[in-house]
Amino acid sequence: MRINLTLQQLEVFVEVARTANFRAAALALHVSQPALSRTVKVIEDAIGARLFDRDTRHVELTPAGRELLPIAGRILENFNSAFSELSQFLEGRSGHVTVAALPSTGVALLPPAIAGFRRHSPQVQFSFIEGPAEFVRAAVDEGRADFGISVRPGAHEPLQYRHLFDDTFVLLCRRDDPLARRASVSWSVFSGRPFIASGTRSSIRPITDAAFLQKGMHVVPTLEYPSVAASGALVAAGLGLTALPRLALHLIKNDALAAVPLQRPGLSRPIGLVTRAGRSLSPVSRAFMESLAELNPGR
């Protein structure tokens, strides 16, 4: 036997059962008493059983009504719970966010941003993946990440970019190096000292190459490092100097090293939020992106 009842009809039945009064139930549901009585009659006809024993003074559930009441209550509770979850999702207070980030941006920006976001939306789940700029762009483009935190993508790529701040470059040297005592140094310092370069796929390499080109310098790297952490170890070992964006210092914890601002020219790499053009983001992803923008207004 298939019984077709609407949620509205179940709400009427549950309210009459709760109040044991047709007039009070009608007032609570903001309907007229005749309309409420007709709805009860429709429910009883659909079930094929009387739900209430009633006279002018009393309303009581029948055995069929007592059997239906917990069933109706579960249905309404499940419905309200499901739509509460949907409401939280649509309001950006639940869901899952996957972020692709450069190693430096992942370490420097994501932990405090996630902690702050979870204070008001603790049910949101996060995961992030990291790699060079090329990896971040591919992860966003292929849908493996909702958005990325990276350098500005090329104009030919199907990606949108929202600028957050400029990540300025510094010289990394040993703390006992005379350069460590300077307020700033010029890029020309690398013409007379061994230069440790980033790998060619790094977002750092094009900027250091551009700096040397702008200064008219021909600098041949003495070494290439595979990671920022490795660059710090190479510098600490006295094998040369390197140039890093300031955020990358979060990947190096070595008291033997010092960072000095690089000037003439003062260069930086643009850091922003990268999304796939034409792809809709979940509300929680949009909300988290906004929180990142608020936390990093130009750094």
C-alpha atoms as a PDB file:
ATOM      1  CA  MET A   1       0.000   0.000   0.000  1.00  0.00           C
ATOM      2  CA  ARG A   2       1.509   3.299  -1.108  1.00  0.00           C
ATOM      3  CA  ILE A   3       0.524   6.381   0.906  1.00  0.00           C
ATOM      4  CA  ASN A   4       1.148   9.781  -0.665  1.00  0.00           C
ATOM      5  CA  LEU A   5       1.364  12.526   1.945  1.00  0.00           C
ATOM      6  CA  THR A   6       3.040  15.906   1.640  1.00  0.00           C
ATOM      7  CA  LEU A   7       5.333  17.482   4.201  1.00  0.00           C
ATOM      8  CA  GLN A   8       2.740  20.191   4.771  1.00  0.00           C
ATOM      9  CA  GLN A   9       0.119  17.555   5.584  1.00  0.00           C
ATOM     10  CA  LEU A  10       2.478  15.830   8.006  1.00  0.00           C
ATOM     11  CA  GLU A  11       3.165  19.166   9.702  1.00  0.00           C
ATOM     12  CA  VAL A  12      -0.578  19.689  10.174  1.00  0.00           C
ATOM     13  CA  PHE A  13      -1.000  16.226  11.676  1.00  0.00           C
ATOM     14  CA  VAL A  14       1.978  16.645  14.056  1.00  0.00           C
ATOM     15  CA  GLU A  15       0.781  20.084  15.212  1.00  0.00           C
ATOM     16  CA  VAL A  16      -2.746  18.852  15.948  1.00  0.00           C
ATOM     17  CA  ALA A  17      -1.277  15.921  17.859  1.00  0.00           C
ATOM     18  CA  ARG A  18       1.024  18.255  19.790  1.00  0.00           C
ATOM     19  CA  THR A  19      -1.645  20.769  20.788  1.00  0.00           C
ATOM     20  CA  ALA A  20      -4.586  18.345  20.997  1.00  0.00           C
ATOM     21  CA  ASN A  21      -6.608  21.308  19.776  1.00  0.00           C
ATOM     22  CA  PHE A  22      -7.662  22.124  16.208  1.00  0.00           C
ATOM     23  CA  ARG A  23      -8.001  25.850  16.907  1.00  0.00           C
ATOM     24  CA  ALA A  24      -4.585  26.134  18.556  1.00  0.00           C
ATOM     25  CA  ALA A  25      -2.970  24.132  15.751  1.00  0.00           C
ATOM     26  CA  ALA A  26      -4.578  26.377  13.113  1.00  0.00           C
ATOM     27  CA  LEU A  27      -3.264  29.481  14.881  1.00  0.00           C
ATOM     28  CA  ALA A  28       0.244  28.008  15.166  1.00  0.00           C
ATOM     29  CA  LEU A  29       0.290  27.127  11.459  1.00  0.00           C
ATOM     30  CA  HIS A  30      -1.316  30.398  10.338  1.00  0.00           C
ATOM     31  CA  VAL A  31      -4.214  28.709   8.534  1.00  0.00           C
ATOM     32  CA  SER A  32      -7.935  28.792   9.075  1.00  0.00           C
ATOM     33  CA  GLN A  33      -9.510  26.117  11.244  1.00  0.00           C
ATOM     34  CA  PRO A  34     -11.766  24.844   8.411  1.00  0.00           C
ATOM     35  CA  ALA A  35      -8.697  24.516   6.137  1.00  0.00           C
ATOM     36  CA  LEU A  36      -6.848  22.601   8.825  1.00  0.00           C
ATOM     37  CA  SER A  37      -9.818  20.283   9.361  1.00  0.00           C
ATOM     38  CA  ARG A  38      -9.982  19.592   5.611  1.00  0.00           C
ATOM     39  CA  THR A  39      -6.263  18.728   5.582  1.00  0.00           C
ATOM     40  CA  VAL A  40      -6.735  16.253   8.425  1.00  0.00           C
ATOM     41  CA  LYS A  41      -9.628  14.674   6.509  1.00  0.00           C
ATOM     42  CA  VAL A  42      -7.412  14.357   3.388  1.00  0.00           C
ATOM     43  CA  ILE A  43      -4.715  12.632   5.471  1.00  0.00           C
ATOM     44  CA  GLU A  44      -7.196  10.215   6.976  1.00  0.00           C
ATOM     45  CA  ASP A  45      -8.636   9.412   3.540  1.00  0.00           C
ATOM     46  CA  ALA A  46      -5.128   8.785   2.168  1.00  0.00           C
ATOM     47  CA  ILE A  47      -4.248   6.472   5.046  1.00  0.00           C
ATOM     48  CA  GLY A  48      -7.642   4.857   5.218  1.00  0.00           C
ATOM     49  CA  ALA A  49      -7.893   5.247   8.967  1.00  0.00           C
ATOM     50  CA  ARG A  50      -9.134   7.790  11.494  1.00  0.00           C
ATOM     51  CA  LEU A  51      -6.273   9.622  13.225  1.00  0.00           C
ATOM     52  CA  PHE A  52      -8.094  11.573  15.918  1.00  0.00           C
ATOM     53  CA  ASP A  53     -11.043  10.884  18.160  1.00  0.00           C
ATOM     54  CA  ARG A  54     -12.592  14.278  18.710  1.00  0.00           C
ATOM     55  CA  ASP A  55     -15.652  15.949  20.078  1.00  0.00           C
ATOM     56  CA  THR A  56     -16.380  19.549  21.020  1.00  0.00           C
ATOM     57  CA  ARG A  57     -14.116  19.323  24.090  1.00  0.00           C
ATOM     58  CA  HIS A  58     -11.405  16.724  23.455  1.00  0.00           C
ATOM     59  CA  VAL A  59      -8.985  15.636  20.705  1.00  0.00           C
ATOM     60  CA  GLU A  60      -7.133  12.355  21.172  1.00  0.00           C
ATOM     61  CA  LEU A  61      -4.975  10.262  18.900  1.00  0.00           C
ATOM     62  CA  THR A  62      -6.406   6.976  17.710  1.00  0.00           C
ATOM     63  CA  PRO A  63      -4.186   3.876  17.590  1.00  0.00           C
ATOM     64  CA  ALA A  64      -3.464   4.679  13.937  1.00  0.00           C
ATOM     65  CA  GLY A  65      -2.598   8.245  14.912  1.00  0.00           C
ATOM     66  CA  ARG A  66      -0.241   7.071  17.654  1.00  0.00           C
ATOM     67  CA  GLU A  67       1.487   4.805  15.132  1.00  0.00           C
ATOM     68  CA  LEU A  68       1.841   7.589  12.565  1.00  0.00           C
ATOM     69  CA  LEU A  69       3.115  10.273  14.970  1.00  0.00           C
ATOM     70  CA  PRO A  70       6.728   9.045  15.445  1.00  0.00           C
ATOM     71  CA  ILE A  71       6.965   8.226  11.730  1.00  0.00           C
ATOM     72  CA  ALA A  72       5.814  11.735  10.774  1.00  0.00           C
ATOM     73  CA  GLY A  73       8.176  13.229  13.345  1.00  0.00           C
ATOM     74  CA  ARG A  74      11.185  11.374  11.888  1.00  0.00           C
ATOM     75  CA  ILE A  75      10.296  12.394   8.343  1.00  0.00           C
ATOM     76  CA  LEU A  76       9.989  16.058   9.276  1.00  0.00           C
ATOM     77  CA  GLU A  77      13.158  15.984  11.377  1.00  0.00           C
ATOM     78  CA  ASN A  78      15.166  14.368   8.569  1.00  0.00           C
ATOM     79  CA  PHE A  79      13.811  16.846   6.059  1.00  0.00           C
ATOM     80  CA  ASN A  80      14.613  19.843   8.251  1.00  0.00           C
ATOM     81  CA  SER A  81      18.054  18.456   9.069  1.00  0.00           C
ATOM     82  CA  ALA A  82      18.849  17.865   5.393  1.00  0.00           C
ATOM     83  CA  PHE A  83      17.801  21.352   4.392  1.00  0.00           C
ATOM     84  CA  SER A  84      19.654  22.821   7.349  1.00  0.00           C
ATOM     85  CA  GLU A  85      22.789  21.164   5.966  1.00  0.00           C
ATOM     86  CA  LEU A  86      22.018  22.554   2.525  1.00  0.00           C
ATOM     87  CA  SER A  87      21.469  25.996   4.024  1.00  0.00           C
ATOM     88  CA  GLN A  88      24.835  25.859   5.785  1.00  0.00           C
ATOM     89  CA  PHE A  89      26.479  24.779   2.529  1.00  0.00           C
ATOM     90  CA  LEU A  90      24.843  27.596   0.556  1.00  0.00           C
ATOM     91  CA  GLU A  91      25.873  30.100   3.231  1.00  0.00           C
ATOM     92  CA  GLY A  92      29.492  28.927   2.997  1.00  0.00           C
ATOM     93  CA  ARG A  93      29.531  27.430   6.500  1.00  0.00           C
ATOM     94  CA  SER A  94      30.036  23.794   5.503  1.00  0.00           C
ATOM     95  CA  GLY A  95      31.646  21.782   2.739  1.00  0.00           C
ATOM     96  CA  HIS A  96      35.171  20.928   1.630  1.00  0.00           C
ATOM     97  CA  VAL A  97      37.854  23.227   0.230  1.00  0.00           C
ATOM     98  CA  THR A  98      40.945  22.032  -1.643  1.00  0.00           C
ATOM     99  CA  VAL A  99      43.651  24.634  -2.192  1.00  0.00           C
ATOM    100  CA  ALA A 100      46.752  24.294  -4.369  1.00  0.00           C
ATOM    101  CA  ALA A 101      49.609  26.511  -3.263  1.00  0.00           C
ATOM    102  CA  LEU A 102      53.246  27.286  -3.774  1.00  0.00           C
ATOM    103  CA  PRO A 103      55.187  25.793  -0.843  1.00  0.00           C
ATOM    104  CA  SER A 104      55.936  29.236   0.573  1.00  0.00           C
ATOM    105  CA  THR A 105      52.358  30.512   0.306  1.00  0.00           C
ATOM    106  CA  GLY A 106      51.016  27.252   1.697  1.00  0.00           C
ATOM    107  CA  VAL A 107      53.175  27.553   4.814  1.00  0.00           C
ATOM    108  CA  ALA A 108      52.913  31.314   5.312  1.00  0.00           C
ATOM    109  CA  LEU A 109      49.260  31.976   4.431  1.00  0.00           C
ATOM    110  CA  LEU A 110      47.109  28.875   4.769  1.00  0.00           C
ATOM    111  CA  PRO A 111      47.554  27.786   8.423  1.00  0.00           C
ATOM    112  CA  PRO A 112      46.441  31.111   9.970  1.00  0.00           C
ATOM    113  CA  ALA A 113      43.698  31.510   7.362  1.00  0.00           C
ATOM    114  CA  ILE A 114      42.271  28.022   8.032  1.00  0.00           C
ATOM    115  CA  ALA A 115      42.461  28.539  11.798  1.00  0.00           C
ATOM    116  CA  GLY A 116      40.612  31.852  11.541  1.00  0.00           C
ATOM    117  CA  PHE A 117      37.963  30.450   9.208  1.00  0.00           C
ATOM    118  CA  ARG A 118      37.285  27.443  11.425  1.00  0.00           C
ATOM    119  CA  ARG A 119      36.571  29.658  14.415  1.00  0.00           C
ATOM    120  CA  HIS A 120      33.215  30.577  12.876  1.00  0.00           C
ATOM    121  CA  SER A 121      32.762  27.577  10.557  1.00  0.00           C
ATOM    122  CA  PRO A 122      34.247  24.583  12.412  1.00  0.00           C
ATOM    123  CA  GLN A 123      32.490  22.022  10.209  1.00  0.00           C
ATOM    124  CA  VAL A 124      34.356  23.051   7.032  1.00  0.00           C
ATOM    125  CA  GLN A 125      36.951  20.505   5.876  1.00  0.00           C
ATOM    126  CA  PHE A 126      40.212  21.564   4.231  1.00  0.00           C
ATOM    127  CA  SER A 127      42.952  19.913   2.245  1.00  0.00           C
ATOM    128  CA  PHE A 128      45.775  21.489   0.305  1.00  0.00           C
ATOM    129  CA  ILE A 129      48.357  20.371  -2.155  1.00  0.00           C
ATOM    130  CA  GLU A 130      51.573  22.151  -2.972  1.00  0.00           C
ATOM    131  CA  GLY A 131      54.098  22.395  -5.754  1.00  0.00           C
ATOM    132  CA  PRO A 132      55.683  24.848  -8.184  1.00  0.00           C
ATOM    133  CA  ALA A 133      53.577  27.395 -10.046  1.00  0.00           C
ATOM    134  CA  GLU A 134      53.124  25.080 -13.022  1.00  0.00           C
ATOM    135  CA  PHE A 135      51.718  22.382 -10.712  1.00  0.00           C
ATOM    136  CA  VAL A 136      49.354  24.839  -9.005  1.00  0.00           C
ATOM    137  CA  ARG A 137      47.970  26.074 -12.320  1.00  0.00           C
ATOM    138  CA  ALA A 138      47.462  22.508 -13.584  1.00  0.00           C
ATOM    139  CA  ALA A 139      45.683  21.471 -10.372  1.00  0.00           C
ATOM    140  CA  VAL A 140      43.234  24.366 -10.705  1.00  0.00           C
ATOM    141  CA  ASP A 141      42.759  23.871 -14.431  1.00  0.00           C
ATOM    142  CA  GLU A 142      42.078  20.133 -14.041  1.00  0.00           C
ATOM    143  CA  GLY A 143      39.709  20.562 -11.095  1.00  0.00           C
ATOM    144  CA  ARG A 144      41.950  18.865  -8.527  1.00  0.00           C
ATOM    145  CA  ALA A 145      41.896  22.096  -6.517  1.00  0.00           C
ATOM    146  CA  ASP A 146      39.102  24.632  -6.062  1.00  0.00           C
ATOM    147  CA  PHE A 147      41.572  27.485  -6.369  1.00  0.00           C
ATOM    148  CA  GLY A 148      45.276  28.187  -6.105  1.00  0.00           C
ATOM    149  CA  ILE A 149      47.572  30.647  -4.362  1.00  0.00           C
ATOM    150  CA  SER A 150      50.325  31.393  -6.815  1.00  0.00           C
ATOM    151  CA  VAL A 151      51.992  33.884  -9.109  1.00  0.00           C
ATOM    152  CA  ARG A 152      50.047  35.515 -11.916  1.00  0.00           C
ATOM    153  CA  PRO A 153      49.303  32.981 -14.702  1.00  0.00           C
ATOM    154  CA  GLY A 154      50.051  33.698 -18.332  1.00  0.00           C
ATOM    155  CA  ALA A 155      47.532  35.626 -20.411  1.00  0.00           C
ATOM    156  CA  HIS A 156      46.984  32.582 -22.650  1.00  0.00           C
ATOM    157  CA  GLU A 157      45.893  30.316 -19.795  1.00  0.00           C
ATOM    158  CA  PRO A 158      42.169  29.724 -19.041  1.00  0.00           C
ATOM    159  CA  LEU A 159      42.642  31.025 -15.504  1.00  0.00           C
ATOM    160  CA  GLN A 160      41.493  34.069 -13.593  1.00  0.00           C
ATOM    161  CA  TYR A 161      43.775  35.898 -11.191  1.00  0.00           C
ATOM    162  CA  ARG A 162      42.927  38.067  -8.167  1.00  0.00           C
ATOM    163  CA  HIS A 163      45.948  39.930  -6.871  1.00  0.00           C
ATOM    164  CA  LEU A 164      46.689  39.789  -3.142  1.00  0.00           C
ATOM    165  CA  PHE A 165      50.117  41.364  -2.680  1.00  0.00           C
ATOM    166  CA  ASP A 166      53.663  41.676  -4.041  1.00  0.00           C
ATOM    167  CA  ASP A 167      56.235  39.368  -2.481  1.00  0.00           C
ATOM    168  CA  THR A 168      59.490  41.351  -2.369  1.00  0.00           C
ATOM    169  CA  PHE A 169      62.913  39.769  -2.885  1.00  0.00           C
ATOM    170  CA  VAL A 170      65.712  39.589  -0.322  1.00  0.00           C
ATOM    171  CA  LEU A 171      69.311  38.448  -0.338  1.00  0.00           C
ATOM    172  CA  LEU A 172      69.975  35.326   1.736  1.00  0.00           C
ATOM    173  CA  CYS A 173      73.446  35.118   3.203  1.00  0.00           C
ATOM    174  CA  ARG A 174      75.210  33.799   6.269  1.00  0.00           C
ATOM    175  CA  ARG A 175      74.741  35.901   9.409  1.00  0.00           C
ATOM    176  CA  ASP A 176      78.540  36.284   9.718  1.00  0.00           C
ATOM    177  CA  ASP A 177      78.749  37.669   6.157  1.00  0.00           C
ATOM    178  CA  PRO A 178      79.536  41.440   6.019  1.00  0.00           C
ATOM    179  CA  LEU A 179      76.496  41.851   3.743  1.00  0.00           C
ATOM    180  CA  ALA A 180      74.228  40.826   6.636  1.00  0.00           C
ATOM    181  CA  ARG A 181      74.949  44.151   8.374  1.00  0.00           C
ATOM    182  CA  ARG A 182      73.691  46.271   5.479  1.00  0.00           C
ATOM    183  CA  ALA A 183      70.248  47.873   5.389  1.00  0.00           C
ATOM    184  CA  SER A 184      69.898  46.796   1.747  1.00  0.00           C
ATOM    185  CA  VAL A 185      72.037  45.528  -1.114  1.00  0.00           C
ATOM    186  CA  SER A 186      72.004  45.830  -4.886  1.00  0.00           C
ATOM    187  CA  TRP A 187      71.548  42.906  -7.241  1.00  0.00           C
ATOM    188  CA  SER A 188      75.042  43.711  -8.522  1.00  0.00           C
ATOM    189  CA  VAL A 189      76.396  41.943  -5.440  1.00  0.00           C
ATOM    190  CA  PHE A 190      75.906  38.663  -7.283  1.00  0.00           C
ATOM    191  CA  SER A 191      78.429  39.656  -9.951  1.00  0.00           C
ATOM    192  CA  GLY A 192      81.288  39.070  -7.555  1.00  0.00           C
ATOM    193  CA  ARG A 193      79.944  36.260  -5.369  1.00  0.00           C
ATOM    194  CA  PRO A 194      78.806  32.677  -6.134  1.00  0.00           C
ATOM    195  CA  PHE A 195      75.094  32.691  -6.916  1.00  0.00           C
ATOM    196  CA  ILE A 196      72.886  29.747  -5.950  1.00  0.00           C
ATOM    197  CA  ALA A 197      69.891  29.681  -8.313  1.00  0.00           C
ATOM    198  CA  SER A 198      66.452  28.130  -8.106  1.00  0.00           C
ATOM    199  CA  GLY A 199      65.443  25.439 -10.570  1.00  0.00           C
ATOM    200  CA  THR A 200      64.197  26.529 -13.962  1.00  0.00           C
ATOM    201  CA  ARG A 201      60.581  25.494 -13.179  1.00  0.00           C
ATOM    202  CA  SER A 202      60.426  27.611 -10.039  1.00  0.00           C
ATOM    203  CA  SER A 203      58.430  30.875  -9.924  1.00  0.00           C
ATOM    204  CA  ILE A 204      61.604  32.454  -8.507  1.00  0.00           C
ATOM    205  CA  ARG A 205      63.946  31.820 -11.441  1.00  0.00           C
ATOM    206  CA  PRO A 206      62.268  34.102 -14.032  1.00  0.00           C
ATOM    207  CA  ILE A 207      62.490  37.039 -11.631  1.00  0.00           C
ATOM    208  CA  THR A 208      66.151  36.571 -10.755  1.00  0.00           C
ATOM    209  CA  ASP A 209      66.947  36.146 -14.463  1.00  0.00           C
ATOM    210  CA  ALA A 210      65.022  39.362 -15.186  1.00  0.00           C
ATOM    211  CA  ALA A 211      66.939  41.223 -12.481  1.00  0.00           C
ATOM    212  CA  PHE A 212      70.304  40.236 -13.970  1.00  0.00           C
ATOM    213  CA  LEU A 213      69.102  41.139 -17.459  1.00  0.00           C
ATOM    214  CA  GLN A 214      67.934  44.532 -16.226  1.00  0.00           C
ATOM    215  CA  LYS A 215      71.332  45.153 -14.629  1.00  0.00           C
ATOM    216  CA  GLY A 216      73.179  43.949 -17.750  1.00  0.00           C
ATOM    217  CA  MET A 217      74.838  41.196 -15.749  1.00  0.00           C
ATOM    218  CA  HIS A 218      75.831  37.731 -16.923  1.00  0.00           C
ATOM    219  CA  VAL A 219      75.557  35.529 -13.862  1.00  0.00           C
ATOM    220  CA  VAL A 220      76.309  31.823 -14.116  1.00  0.00           C
ATOM    221  CA  PRO A 221      74.885  29.943 -11.124  1.00  0.00           C
ATOM    222  CA  THR A 222      77.388  28.006  -9.114  1.00  0.00           C
ATOM    223  CA  LEU A 223      74.597  25.625  -8.018  1.00  0.00           C
ATOM    224  CA  GLU A 224      70.886  25.073  -8.563  1.00  0.00           C
ATOM    225  CA  TYR A 225      68.749  24.108  -5.593  1.00  0.00           C
ATOM    226  CA  PRO A 226      65.730  21.763  -5.810  1.00  0.00           C
ATOM    227  CA  SER A 227      63.830  23.380  -2.907  1.00  0.00           C
ATOM    228  CA  VAL A 228      63.900  26.545  -0.838  1.00  0.00           C
ATOM    229  CA  ALA A 229      64.914  24.543   2.226  1.00  0.00           C
ATOM    230  CA  ALA A 230      67.882  23.206   0.254  1.00  0.00           C
ATOM    231  CA  SER A 231      68.873  26.744  -0.759  1.00  0.00           C
ATOM    232  CA  GLY A 232      69.132  27.698   2.909  1.00  0.00           C
ATOM    233  CA  ALA A 233      71.307  24.693   3.649  1.00  0.00           C
ATOM    234  CA  LEU A 234      73.621  25.526   0.726  1.00  0.00           C
ATOM    235  CA  VAL A 235      73.978  29.152   1.827  1.00  0.00           C
ATOM    236  CA  ALA A 236      74.558  28.118   5.450  1.00  0.00           C
ATOM    237  CA  ALA A 237      77.336  25.805   4.245  1.00  0.00           C
ATOM    238  CA  GLY A 238      79.123  28.823   2.732  1.00  0.00           C
ATOM    239  CA  LEU A 239      78.616  27.774  -0.891  1.00  0.00           C
ATOM    240  CA  GLY A 240      77.247  31.092  -2.076  1.00  0.00           C
ATOM    241  CA  LEU A 241      74.373  33.600  -1.895  1.00  0.00           C
ATOM    242  CA  THR A 242      70.861  33.460  -3.213  1.00  0.00           C
ATOM    243  CA  ALA A 243      67.845  35.687  -3.773  1.00  0.00           C
ATOM    244  CA  LEU A 244      64.437  34.685  -2.420  1.00  0.00           C
ATOM    245  CA  PRO A 245      60.995  36.210  -2.119  1.00  0.00           C
ATOM    246  CA  ARG A 246      60.311  37.113   1.507  1.00  0.00           C
ATOM    247  CA  LEU A 247      57.529  34.525   1.911  1.00  0.00           C
ATOM    248  CA  ALA A 248      60.025  31.776   1.123  1.00  0.00           C
ATOM    249  CA  LEU A 249      61.813  32.545   4.379  1.00  0.00           C
ATOM    250  CA  HIS A 250      58.995  30.691   6.143  1.00  0.00           C
ATOM    251  CA  LEU A 251      60.492  27.512   4.665  1.00  0.00           C
ATOM    252  CA  ILE A 252      63.918  28.177   6.158  1.00  0.00           C
ATOM    253  CA  LYS A 253      64.551  27.983   9.885  1.00  0.00           C
ATOM    254  CA  ASN A 254      68.253  28.583  10.368  1.00  0.00           C
ATOM    255  CA  ASP A 255      69.688  31.054  12.877  1.00  0.00           C
ATOM    256  CA  ALA A 256      72.948  31.088  10.932  1.00  0.00           C
ATOM    257  CA  LEU A 257      71.273  32.933   8.020  1.00  0.00           C
ATOM    258  CA  ALA A 258      70.261  36.543   7.449  1.00  0.00           C
ATOM    259  CA  ALA A 259      67.903  38.182   4.956  1.00  0.00           C
ATOM    260  CA  VAL A 260      68.717  41.601   3.509  1.00  0.00           C
ATOM    261  CA  PRO A 261      66.340  43.611   1.247  1.00  0.00           C
ATOM    262  CA  LEU A 262      67.405  43.660  -2.395  1.00  0.00           C
ATOM    263  CA  GLN A 263      67.279  47.038  -4.141  1.00  0.00           C
ATOM    264  CA  ARG A 264      68.344  48.571  -7.433  1.00  0.00           C
ATOM    265  CA  PRO A 265      66.077  47.158  -8.745  1.00  0.00           C
ATOM    266  CA  GLY A 266      63.481  46.393  -6.076  1.00  0.00           C
ATOM    267  CA  LEU A 267      61.711  43.368  -7.493  1.00  0.00           C
ATOM    268  CA  SER A 268      58.847  41.210  -6.310  1.00  0.00           C
ATOM    269  CA  ARG A 269      56.673  38.388  -7.504  1.00  0.00           C
ATOM    270  CA  PRO A 270      52.878  38.905  -7.638  1.00  0.00           C
ATOM    271  CA  ILE A 271      50.915  36.552  -5.381  1.00  0.00           C
ATOM    272  CA  GLY A 272      47.193  36.053  -5.811  1.00  0.00           C
ATOM    273  CA  LEU A 273      44.229  33.713  -6.017  1.00  0.00           C
ATOM    274  CA  VAL A 274      43.947  31.622  -9.180  1.00  0.00           C
ATOM    275  CA  THR A 275      40.660  30.105 -10.362  1.00  0.00           C
ATOM    276  CA  ARG A 276      39.504  28.365 -13.527  1.00  0.00           C
ATOM    277  CA  ALA A 277      37.585  30.675 -15.869  1.00  0.00           C
ATOM    278  CA  GLY A 278      33.986  29.559 -16.369  1.00  0.00           C
ATOM    279  CA  ARG A 279      33.919  27.133 -13.421  1.00  0.00           C
ATOM    280  CA  SER A 280      31.521  27.765 -10.537  1.00  0.00           C
ATOM    281  CA  LEU A 281      33.003  27.647  -7.059  1.00  0.00           C
ATOM    282  CA  SER A 282      31.207  26.271  -4.021  1.00  0.00           C
ATOM    283  CA  PRO A 283      29.967  28.901  -1.540  1.00  0.00           C
ATOM    284  CA  VAL A 284      32.502  27.781   1.065  1.00  0.00           C
ATOM    285  CA  SER A 285      35.363  28.109  -1.436  1.00  0.00           C
ATOM    286  CA  ARG A 286      34.251  31.642  -2.271  1.00  0.00           C
ATOM    287  CA  ALA A 287      33.943  32.479   1.427  1.00  0.00           C
ATOM    288  CA  PHE A 288      37.432  31.151   2.187  1.00  0.00           C
ATOM    289  CA  MET A 289      38.902  33.084  -0.738  1.00  0.00           C
ATOM    290  CA  GLU A 290      37.333  36.259   0.665  1.00  0.00           C
ATOM    291  CA  SER A 291      38.833  35.550   4.071  1.00  0.00           C
ATOM    292  CA  LEU A 292      42.269  35.151   2.484  1.00  0.00           C
ATOM    293  CA  ALA A 293      41.858  38.460   0.685  1.00  0.00           C
ATOM    294  CA  GLU A 294      40.875  40.171   3.950  1.00  0.00           C
ATOM    295  CA  LEU A 295      43.836  38.673   5.820  1.00  0.00           C
ATOM    296  CA  ASN A 296      46.335  39.720   3.133  1.00  0.00           C
ATOM    297  CA  PRO A 297      45.353  43.191   1.867  1.00  0.00           C
ATOM    298  CA  GLY A 298      48.685  43.968   0.240  1.00  0.00           C
ATOM    299  CA  ARG A 299      50.534  42.267   3.145  1.00  0.00           C
END
